[in-house]
Protein backbone atom coordinates (compact mmCIF):
# COMPACT_ATOMS: atom_id res chain seq x y z
CA MET A 1 18.71 -37.82 9.15
CA LYS A 2 15.98 -37.59 11.79
CA ARG A 3 17.42 -34.30 12.90
CA ILE A 4 17.25 -32.81 9.37
CA LEU A 5 13.71 -34.09 8.90
CA PHE A 6 12.69 -32.62 12.28
CA LEU A 7 14.29 -29.24 11.49
CA SER A 8 12.71 -29.06 8.03
CA ASN A 9 9.27 -29.93 9.44
CA ALA A 10 9.68 -27.36 12.21
CA PHE A 11 10.75 -24.74 9.67
CA LEU A 12 7.76 -25.48 7.44
CA LEU A 13 5.38 -25.38 10.37
CA PHE A 14 6.68 -22.08 11.75
CA GLY A 15 7.39 -20.60 8.32
CA LEU A 16 3.84 -21.24 7.09
CA ASN A 17 2.47 -19.90 10.34
CA PHE A 18 4.42 -16.67 9.76
CA VAL A 19 3.08 -16.32 6.21
CA PHE A 20 -0.53 -16.76 7.30
CA ALA A 21 -0.05 -14.34 10.18
CA GLN A 22 0.41 -11.37 7.81
CA LYS A 23 -2.82 -9.42 7.32
CA PHE A 24 -3.50 -6.53 5.03
CA GLY A 25 -6.26 -4.06 4.34
CA TYR A 26 -6.97 -0.84 2.52
CA ILE A 27 -8.61 2.50 3.17
CA ASP A 28 -9.90 5.36 1.03
CA SER A 29 -8.17 8.43 2.45
CA GLU A 30 -9.91 10.77 0.00
CA PHE A 31 -13.30 9.59 1.26
CA ILE A 32 -12.16 9.94 4.86
CA LEU A 33 -10.80 13.46 4.34
CA ASN A 34 -13.98 14.53 2.57
CA LYS A 35 -15.95 13.43 5.65
CA MET A 36 -13.89 15.77 7.86
CA PRO A 37 -15.41 19.28 8.24
CA GLU A 38 -11.95 20.70 8.95
CA TYR A 39 -10.77 19.43 5.55
CA ALA A 40 -13.51 21.31 3.69
CA LYS A 41 -12.61 24.47 5.62
CA ALA A 42 -8.90 24.01 4.81
CA GLN A 43 -9.69 23.40 1.13
CA ASN A 44 -11.78 26.60 1.00
CA GLU A 45 -8.96 28.55 2.62
CA VAL A 46 -6.42 27.16 0.14
CA GLU A 47 -8.73 28.04 -2.76
CA THR A 48 -9.13 31.59 -1.40
CA PHE A 49 -5.36 32.07 -1.25
CA SER A 50 -4.99 30.54 -4.70
CA ALA A 51 -7.61 32.85 -6.20
CA ALA A 52 -5.95 35.91 -4.63
CA TRP A 53 -2.53 34.93 -5.96
CA GLN A 54 -3.99 34.16 -9.38
CA LYS A 55 -5.63 37.61 -9.42
CA GLU A 56 -2.26 39.24 -8.62
CA ILE A 57 -0.61 37.31 -11.44
CA GLU A 58 -3.35 38.29 -13.88
CA GLU A 59 -2.95 41.93 -12.86
CA MET A 60 0.79 41.73 -13.44
CA GLN A 61 0.13 40.12 -16.84
CA ARG A 62 -2.27 42.97 -17.76
CA LYS A 63 0.44 45.51 -16.90
CA VAL A 64 2.96 43.70 -19.10
CA ASP A 65 0.42 43.51 -21.93
CA GLY A 66 -0.31 47.23 -21.47
CA LEU A 67 3.37 48.11 -21.69
CA TYR A 68 3.69 46.00 -24.83
CA SER A 69 0.62 47.66 -26.42
CA ILE A 70 1.98 51.13 -25.68
CA TYR A 71 5.36 50.11 -27.08
CA GLN A 72 3.78 48.83 -30.31
CA ALA A 73 1.69 51.99 -30.69
CA GLU A 74 4.68 54.31 -30.20
CA GLN A 75 7.28 52.10 -31.90
CA VAL A 76 7.45 54.15 -35.11
CA LEU A 77 8.10 57.35 -33.14
CA LEU A 78 10.88 55.95 -30.94
CA THR A 79 14.59 56.05 -31.61
CA GLU A 80 16.51 52.78 -31.63
CA GLU A 81 17.87 53.49 -28.14
CA MET A 82 14.35 54.20 -26.78
CA LYS A 83 13.07 51.00 -28.39
CA GLN A 84 15.75 48.96 -26.66
CA GLU A 85 14.96 50.62 -23.32
CA ARG A 86 11.25 49.83 -23.66
CA GLN A 87 11.97 46.23 -24.74
CA ALA A 88 14.30 45.81 -21.77
CA GLU A 89 11.62 47.18 -19.45
CA ILE A 90 9.00 44.79 -20.89
CA LYS A 91 11.39 41.83 -20.58
CA LYS A 92 12.17 42.83 -17.00
CA LYS A 93 8.46 42.90 -16.13
CA GLU A 94 7.91 39.53 -17.86
CA THR A 95 10.79 38.05 -15.87
CA GLU A 96 9.34 39.45 -12.64
CA LEU A 97 5.98 37.91 -13.56
CA LYS A 98 7.51 34.48 -14.25
CA ASP A 99 9.55 34.64 -11.03
CA TYR A 100 6.46 35.53 -9.04
CA GLN A 101 4.51 32.67 -10.66
CA LYS A 102 7.29 30.27 -9.67
CA LYS A 103 7.43 31.74 -6.17
CA VAL A 104 3.69 31.24 -5.70
CA PHE A 105 2.74 28.17 -7.75
CA GLY A 106 6.11 26.50 -8.37
CA PHE A 107 7.42 23.45 -6.56
CA GLY A 108 7.84 24.43 -2.91
CA GLY A 109 6.08 27.73 -3.59
CA LEU A 110 3.69 29.67 -1.39
CA PHE A 111 0.66 27.69 -2.62
CA PHE A 112 2.36 24.38 -1.85
CA LEU A 113 3.47 25.60 1.59
CA LYS A 114 0.04 26.98 2.48
CA LYS A 115 -1.65 23.78 1.35
CA GLN A 116 0.80 21.72 3.37
CA GLU A 117 0.33 23.97 6.41
CA LEU A 118 -3.45 23.60 6.34
CA ILE A 119 -3.93 20.01 5.15
CA LYS A 120 -0.92 18.15 6.59
CA PRO A 121 -2.29 18.20 10.19
CA LEU A 122 -5.50 16.60 8.94
CA GLN A 123 -3.56 13.95 7.02
CA ASP A 124 -1.53 13.28 10.16
CA LYS A 125 -4.76 12.86 12.12
CA VAL A 126 -5.96 10.29 9.56
CA PHE A 127 -2.57 8.56 9.68
CA ASP A 128 -2.77 8.27 13.47
CA ALA A 129 -6.26 6.78 13.21
CA VAL A 130 -5.05 4.33 10.53
CA SER A 131 -2.17 3.37 12.81
CA LYS A 132 -4.55 2.67 15.71
CA VAL A 133 -6.93 0.66 13.50
CA SER A 134 -4.00 -1.28 12.03
CA LYS A 135 -2.69 -2.20 15.45
CA ALA A 136 -6.16 -3.11 16.74
CA ASN A 137 -6.81 -5.37 13.73
CA ARG A 138 -3.23 -6.67 13.57
CA LEU A 139 -2.71 -5.47 10.01
CA ALA A 140 0.79 -5.70 8.61
CA ILE A 141 0.05 -3.62 5.50
CA VAL A 142 -2.57 -0.95 4.76
CA PHE A 143 -2.97 0.38 1.23
CA ASP A 144 -4.58 3.68 0.31
CA LYS A 145 -7.15 3.23 -2.41
CA ALA A 146 -7.15 6.99 -3.16
CA ALA A 147 -3.38 7.20 -3.74
CA GLU A 148 -1.52 6.47 -6.95
CA LEU A 149 -1.43 2.78 -6.14
CA VAL A 150 -3.64 1.06 -8.67
CA MET A 151 -5.90 -1.53 -7.16
CA ILE A 152 -7.53 -3.64 -9.86
CA TYR A 153 -9.73 -5.58 -7.45
CA THR A 154 -10.56 -4.95 -3.83
CA ASP A 155 -12.44 -7.30 -1.57
CA PRO A 156 -14.72 -5.22 0.67
CA ARG A 157 -13.90 -7.37 3.70
CA HIS A 158 -10.39 -5.85 3.64
CA ASP A 159 -11.72 -2.26 3.52
CA TYR A 160 -10.90 -0.57 6.82
CA THR A 161 -12.13 2.91 5.85
CA ASP A 162 -15.13 2.61 8.16
CA PHE A 163 -12.93 1.66 11.11
CA VAL A 164 -10.77 4.74 10.53
CA LEU A 165 -13.89 6.92 10.34
CA GLU A 166 -15.05 5.41 13.64
CA GLU A 167 -11.63 6.08 15.17
CA LEU A 168 -11.91 9.71 14.09
CA GLY A 169 -15.49 9.89 15.36
CA LEU A 170 -16.87 10.74 11.92
CA GLY A 171 -20.12 9.54 10.48
CA ASP A 172 -22.07 6.31 10.53
CA PRO A 173 -20.15 3.28 9.23
CA ASN A 174 -23.28 2.24 7.29
CA ASP A 175 -23.29 5.60 5.51
CA LYS A 176 -20.57 4.85 2.93
CA VAL A 177 -22.01 6.47 -0.19
CA LYS A 178 -19.67 8.02 -2.71
């Protein structure tokens, strides 16, 4: 009986100690990234590529619309065979346009790849800084306030954004204005 009582007390003592040993915190990665000059440069570059691709798509759309306008204007003069040829040509151009849109802006498209190429290294840099801050502050869990995780209430004493900014060498920790 004494043995069971001793083991249960030891378990409670060490078990509670383990529970209290877990620390957590949160950061605002969006705020951190916006403080990084390289991020603004990468965002501008992504927007430049996006605008160029969008312009190409709009030009392709104008060509398709032009073909359709010409077809409608000449429709009464065309034979049935010529009509089918023109419709097939218009459908082919529309398909090419949709395929190009998917290639550029679809999942895993050129836009996604370019964005990942330019922004992923910066996110990795932030992740490394978060890792260092987490280890230094013995945090078991770090949440990202900017991600899809909904945080109803956050106690500012658990906000480690400033520590990550310090680790990255960015800004004054007292300068947290959104």
